Amino acid sequence: MKIKRNDMVHILLGKDRGKTGKVLQVFPKLKRVSVEGVNILIKNLKPKKSGEKGQRINYPSPLNISNLALLCTKCGKPTRVGFKILENKKKARVCKKCKEIIE
């Protein structure tokens, strides 16, 4: 996956288009990502015991990875991600705009 946990991403499509946020969770098999403060849904919980009150819980619902663009740490722009093999034979992510390695 080109997007990892704790990356900053830019939302390209949907009701939160234009917002940025930090990746909380990644679901590689589903190709979905949960982003902090974006795509917030409300879940109503019923009371479990008598006398207890019900609750409303806000949580970020996962977005499809195709609707996100990674923010480059160097240039700060939303960019596509490429890969490069380094001298120590490790694979590194590369910004397509400024050609810098993304950590």
N, C-alpha and C. Protein backbone atom coordinates (compact mmCIF):
# COMPACT_ATOMS: atom_id res chain seq x y z
N MET A 1 0.84 -1.19 0.00
CA MET A 1 0.00 0.00 0.00
C MET A 1 0.88 1.24 0.00
N LYS A 2 0.41 2.25 -0.69
CA LYS A 2 1.19 3.48 -0.80
C LYS A 2 0.94 4.44 0.35
N ILE A 3 -0.16 4.25 1.07
CA ILE A 3 -0.49 5.09 2.21
C ILE A 3 -0.38 4.24 3.47
N LYS A 4 0.30 4.78 4.48
CA LYS A 4 0.53 4.05 5.72
C LYS A 4 -0.05 4.82 6.90
N ARG A 5 -0.05 4.18 8.06
CA ARG A 5 -0.55 4.79 9.28
C ARG A 5 0.30 6.02 9.64
N ASN A 6 -0.33 7.05 10.18
CA ASN A 6 0.28 8.33 10.59
C ASN A 6 0.71 9.21 9.43
N ASP A 7 0.37 8.88 8.19
CA ASP A 7 0.61 9.76 7.04
C ASP A 7 -0.44 10.86 7.02
N MET A 8 -0.09 12.01 6.47
CA MET A 8 -1.05 13.07 6.25
C MET A 8 -1.59 12.91 4.82
N VAL A 9 -2.91 12.95 4.68
CA VAL A 9 -3.54 12.77 3.37
C VAL A 9 -4.50 13.92 3.07
N HIS A 10 -4.75 14.10 1.79
CA HIS A 10 -5.68 15.12 1.27
C HIS A 10 -6.86 14.38 0.66
N ILE A 11 -8.10 14.78 0.99
CA ILE A 11 -9.30 14.12 0.50
C ILE A 11 -9.64 14.70 -0.87
N LEU A 12 -9.78 13.82 -1.88
CA LEU A 12 -10.05 14.25 -3.25
C LEU A 12 -11.54 14.25 -3.60
N LEU A 13 -12.31 13.30 -3.06
CA LEU A 13 -13.73 13.16 -3.39
C LEU A 13 -14.56 12.96 -2.14
N GLY A 14 -15.86 13.24 -2.26
CA GLY A 14 -16.78 12.99 -1.16
C GLY A 14 -17.21 14.26 -0.46
N LYS A 15 -17.95 14.09 0.63
CA LYS A 15 -18.51 15.25 1.35
C LYS A 15 -17.44 16.08 2.04
N ASP A 16 -16.27 15.49 2.30
CA ASP A 16 -15.17 16.19 2.97
C ASP A 16 -14.05 16.57 2.00
N ARG A 17 -14.38 16.74 0.74
CA ARG A 17 -13.38 17.07 -0.28
C ARG A 17 -12.61 18.33 0.08
N GLY A 18 -11.28 18.28 -0.04
CA GLY A 18 -10.44 19.43 0.25
C GLY A 18 -9.84 19.42 1.64
N LYS A 19 -10.35 18.59 2.52
CA LYS A 19 -9.83 18.52 3.89
C LYS A 19 -8.57 17.66 3.94
N THR A 20 -7.80 17.87 4.99
CA THR A 20 -6.62 17.04 5.22
C THR A 20 -6.73 16.40 6.60
N GLY A 21 -6.08 15.27 6.77
CA GLY A 21 -6.12 14.60 8.05
C GLY A 21 -5.07 13.52 8.16
N LYS A 22 -4.91 13.02 9.38
CA LYS A 22 -3.92 11.99 9.66
C LYS A 22 -4.57 10.61 9.57
N VAL A 23 -3.88 9.65 8.99
CA VAL A 23 -4.41 8.29 8.84
C VAL A 23 -4.36 7.59 10.19
N LEU A 24 -5.52 7.08 10.63
CA LEU A 24 -5.63 6.37 11.90
C LEU A 24 -5.45 4.86 11.72
N GLN A 25 -6.12 4.30 10.71
CA GLN A 25 -6.08 2.87 10.46
C GLN A 25 -6.02 2.62 8.97
N VAL A 26 -5.39 1.50 8.60
CA VAL A 26 -5.32 1.08 7.20
C VAL A 26 -5.86 -0.34 7.11
N PHE A 27 -6.75 -0.56 6.15
CA PHE A 27 -7.32 -1.89 5.90
C PHE A 27 -6.89 -2.33 4.49
N PRO A 28 -5.72 -2.98 4.36
CA PRO A 28 -5.18 -3.29 3.03
C PRO A 28 -6.04 -4.23 2.19
N LYS A 29 -6.68 -5.21 2.81
CA LYS A 29 -7.50 -6.15 2.03
C LYS A 29 -8.73 -5.48 1.45
N LEU A 30 -9.30 -4.52 2.18
CA LEU A 30 -10.48 -3.79 1.72
C LEU A 30 -10.12 -2.57 0.88
N LYS A 31 -8.83 -2.20 0.87
CA LYS A 31 -8.33 -0.99 0.19
C LYS A 31 -9.03 0.25 0.74
N ARG A 32 -9.12 0.32 2.06
CA ARG A 32 -9.76 1.45 2.73
C ARG A 32 -8.86 1.99 3.83
N VAL A 33 -9.09 3.29 4.14
CA VAL A 33 -8.28 3.99 5.13
C VAL A 33 -9.21 4.82 6.00
N SER A 34 -8.96 4.82 7.30
CA SER A 34 -9.71 5.65 8.23
C SER A 34 -8.88 6.89 8.55
N VAL A 35 -9.47 8.08 8.34
CA VAL A 35 -8.76 9.35 8.51
C VAL A 35 -9.39 10.14 9.65
N GLU A 36 -8.53 10.75 10.46
CA GLU A 36 -8.96 11.50 11.64
C GLU A 36 -9.76 12.75 11.25
N GLY A 37 -10.96 12.88 11.80
CA GLY A 37 -11.79 14.07 11.60
C GLY A 37 -12.48 14.15 10.25
N VAL A 38 -12.48 13.07 9.49
CA VAL A 38 -13.08 13.07 8.15
C VAL A 38 -14.07 11.91 8.05
N ASN A 39 -15.19 12.13 7.34
CA ASN A 39 -16.21 11.10 7.12
C ASN A 39 -16.76 10.57 8.45
N ILE A 40 -17.13 11.50 9.32
CA ILE A 40 -17.62 11.15 10.65
C ILE A 40 -19.05 10.64 10.56
N LEU A 41 -19.30 9.47 11.15
CA LEU A 41 -20.64 8.89 11.22
C LEU A 41 -21.06 8.80 12.68
N ILE A 42 -22.38 8.75 12.91
CA ILE A 42 -22.92 8.68 14.26
C ILE A 42 -23.57 7.32 14.45
N LYS A 43 -23.21 6.66 15.55
CA LYS A 43 -23.79 5.36 15.88
C LYS A 43 -24.59 5.51 17.16
N ASN A 44 -25.85 5.06 17.13
CA ASN A 44 -26.71 5.11 18.32
C ASN A 44 -26.62 3.79 19.05
N LEU A 45 -26.26 3.84 20.34
CA LEU A 45 -26.19 2.65 21.17
C LEU A 45 -27.37 2.61 22.13
N LYS A 46 -28.02 1.46 22.20
CA LYS A 46 -29.14 1.29 23.14
C LYS A 46 -28.58 1.03 24.53
N PRO A 47 -29.36 1.36 25.55
CA PRO A 47 -28.92 1.05 26.91
C PRO A 47 -28.89 -0.46 27.14
N LYS A 48 -27.85 -0.95 27.82
CA LYS A 48 -27.71 -2.38 28.06
C LYS A 48 -28.46 -2.80 29.33
N LYS A 49 -28.43 -1.95 30.36
CA LYS A 49 -29.09 -2.26 31.62
C LYS A 49 -30.27 -1.31 31.81
N SER A 50 -31.20 -1.69 32.63
CA SER A 50 -32.32 -0.79 32.91
C SER A 50 -31.82 0.38 33.77
N GLY A 51 -32.28 1.56 33.47
CA GLY A 51 -31.85 2.76 34.19
C GLY A 51 -30.65 3.43 33.54
N GLU A 52 -30.01 2.76 32.60
CA GLU A 52 -28.85 3.32 31.91
C GLU A 52 -29.33 4.10 30.69
N LYS A 53 -28.60 5.14 30.32
CA LYS A 53 -28.98 5.94 29.16
C LYS A 53 -28.30 5.44 27.90
N GLY A 54 -28.94 5.68 26.78
CA GLY A 54 -28.34 5.35 25.49
C GLY A 54 -27.29 6.39 25.14
N GLN A 55 -26.49 6.09 24.14
CA GLN A 55 -25.40 7.01 23.74
C GLN A 55 -25.37 7.20 22.24
N ARG A 56 -24.76 8.30 21.83
CA ARG A 56 -24.46 8.55 20.43
C ARG A 56 -22.94 8.64 20.31
N ILE A 57 -22.36 7.80 19.48
CA ILE A 57 -20.91 7.75 19.33
C ILE A 57 -20.54 8.24 17.93
N ASN A 58 -19.62 9.21 17.86
CA ASN A 58 -19.08 9.68 16.58
C ASN A 58 -17.80 8.91 16.29
N TYR A 59 -17.68 8.40 15.05
CA TYR A 59 -16.46 7.68 14.68
C TYR A 59 -16.15 7.93 13.21
N PRO A 60 -14.87 7.94 12.84
CA PRO A 60 -14.50 8.12 11.43
C PRO A 60 -14.67 6.82 10.65
N SER A 61 -15.49 6.86 9.64
CA SER A 61 -15.72 5.69 8.79
C SER A 61 -14.62 5.60 7.73
N PRO A 62 -14.20 4.39 7.33
CA PRO A 62 -13.12 4.26 6.34
C PRO A 62 -13.51 4.78 4.97
N LEU A 63 -12.53 5.37 4.29
CA LEU A 63 -12.68 5.87 2.92
C LEU A 63 -11.91 4.97 1.97
N ASN A 64 -12.33 4.95 0.71
CA ASN A 64 -11.59 4.20 -0.29
C ASN A 64 -10.27 4.90 -0.56
N ILE A 65 -9.22 4.11 -0.73
CA ILE A 65 -7.87 4.67 -0.89
C ILE A 65 -7.73 5.48 -2.18
N SER A 66 -8.60 5.22 -3.17
CA SER A 66 -8.53 5.96 -4.43
C SER A 66 -9.02 7.39 -4.29
N ASN A 67 -9.70 7.70 -3.17
CA ASN A 67 -10.22 9.05 -2.94
C ASN A 67 -9.26 9.91 -2.12
N LEU A 68 -8.03 9.43 -1.91
CA LEU A 68 -7.04 10.14 -1.10
C LEU A 68 -5.78 10.40 -1.90
N ALA A 69 -5.07 11.47 -1.53
CA ALA A 69 -3.74 11.75 -2.07
C ALA A 69 -2.81 12.01 -0.90
N LEU A 70 -1.64 11.43 -0.95
CA LEU A 70 -0.66 11.60 0.11
C LEU A 70 -0.07 13.00 0.06
N LEU A 71 0.07 13.65 1.23
CA LEU A 71 0.73 14.96 1.29
C LEU A 71 2.22 14.72 1.48
N CYS A 72 3.03 15.31 0.60
CA CYS A 72 4.47 15.16 0.67
C CYS A 72 5.00 15.91 1.90
N THR A 73 5.94 15.29 2.60
CA THR A 73 6.50 15.93 3.79
C THR A 73 7.44 17.07 3.43
N LYS A 74 8.03 17.04 2.26
CA LYS A 74 9.00 18.08 1.84
C LYS A 74 8.30 19.28 1.20
N CYS A 75 7.50 19.04 0.15
CA CYS A 75 6.88 20.16 -0.58
C CYS A 75 5.49 20.52 -0.05
N GLY A 76 4.86 19.62 0.71
CA GLY A 76 3.56 19.90 1.32
C GLY A 76 2.39 19.87 0.36
N LYS A 77 2.57 19.31 -0.83
CA LYS A 77 1.51 19.24 -1.83
C LYS A 77 0.96 17.82 -1.92
N PRO A 78 -0.34 17.69 -2.28
CA PRO A 78 -0.87 16.35 -2.52
C PRO A 78 -0.21 15.76 -3.76
N THR A 79 0.23 14.52 -3.67
CA THR A 79 1.01 13.95 -4.75
C THR A 79 0.72 12.47 -4.93
N ARG A 80 1.09 11.96 -6.09
CA ARG A 80 1.08 10.52 -6.30
C ARG A 80 2.37 9.96 -5.72
N VAL A 81 2.39 8.66 -5.51
CA VAL A 81 3.54 8.04 -4.85
C VAL A 81 4.20 7.05 -5.81
N GLY A 82 5.52 7.14 -5.88
CA GLY A 82 6.31 6.17 -6.63
C GLY A 82 7.22 5.42 -5.68
N PHE A 83 7.91 4.44 -6.20
CA PHE A 83 8.84 3.67 -5.38
C PHE A 83 10.22 3.70 -6.00
N LYS A 84 11.23 3.60 -5.13
CA LYS A 84 12.62 3.63 -5.55
C LYS A 84 13.40 2.64 -4.69
N ILE A 85 14.30 1.89 -5.30
CA ILE A 85 15.16 0.97 -4.56
C ILE A 85 16.43 1.73 -4.17
N LEU A 86 16.73 1.76 -2.88
CA LEU A 86 17.91 2.47 -2.38
C LEU A 86 19.15 1.57 -2.48
N GLU A 87 20.33 2.14 -2.14
CA GLU A 87 21.59 1.39 -2.21
C GLU A 87 21.61 0.19 -1.26
N ASN A 88 20.94 0.33 -0.10
CA ASN A 88 20.90 -0.78 0.85
C ASN A 88 19.79 -1.78 0.54
N LYS A 89 19.30 -1.75 -0.70
CA LYS A 89 18.28 -2.66 -1.24
C LYS A 89 16.96 -2.59 -0.48
N LYS A 90 16.64 -1.41 0.05
CA LYS A 90 15.34 -1.18 0.68
C LYS A 90 14.48 -0.37 -0.27
N LYS A 91 13.17 -0.62 -0.19
CA LYS A 91 12.21 0.06 -1.04
C LYS A 91 11.73 1.32 -0.32
N ALA A 92 11.75 2.47 -0.98
CA ALA A 92 11.33 3.73 -0.37
C ALA A 92 10.27 4.40 -1.23
N ARG A 93 9.34 5.12 -0.57
CA ARG A 93 8.32 5.87 -1.29
C ARG A 93 8.90 7.20 -1.75
N VAL A 94 8.51 7.63 -2.95
CA VAL A 94 9.06 8.85 -3.56
C VAL A 94 7.91 9.73 -4.02
N CYS A 95 8.03 11.04 -3.75
CA CYS A 95 7.06 12.04 -4.23
C CYS A 95 7.24 12.22 -5.73
N LYS A 96 6.16 12.17 -6.50
CA LYS A 96 6.23 12.32 -7.95
C LYS A 96 6.46 13.78 -8.37
N LYS A 97 6.17 14.74 -7.47
CA LYS A 97 6.33 16.16 -7.83
C LYS A 97 7.73 16.67 -7.57
N CYS A 98 8.25 16.43 -6.35
CA CYS A 98 9.58 16.99 -6.01
C CYS A 98 10.68 15.94 -6.02
N LYS A 99 10.34 14.66 -6.28
CA LYS A 99 11.31 13.56 -6.38
C LYS A 99 12.06 13.28 -5.08
N GLU A 100 11.51 13.72 -3.93
CA GLU A 100 12.15 13.48 -2.63
C GLU A 100 11.59 12.21 -2.00
N ILE A 101 12.37 11.59 -1.13
CA ILE A 101 11.93 10.38 -0.46
C ILE A 101 10.97 10.74 0.68
N ILE A 102 9.84 10.05 0.75
CA ILE A 102 8.84 10.26 1.79
C ILE A 102 9.12 9.28 2.92
N GLU A 103 9.22 9.80 4.13
CA GLU A 103 9.53 8.95 5.28
C GLU A 103 8.28 8.36 5.87
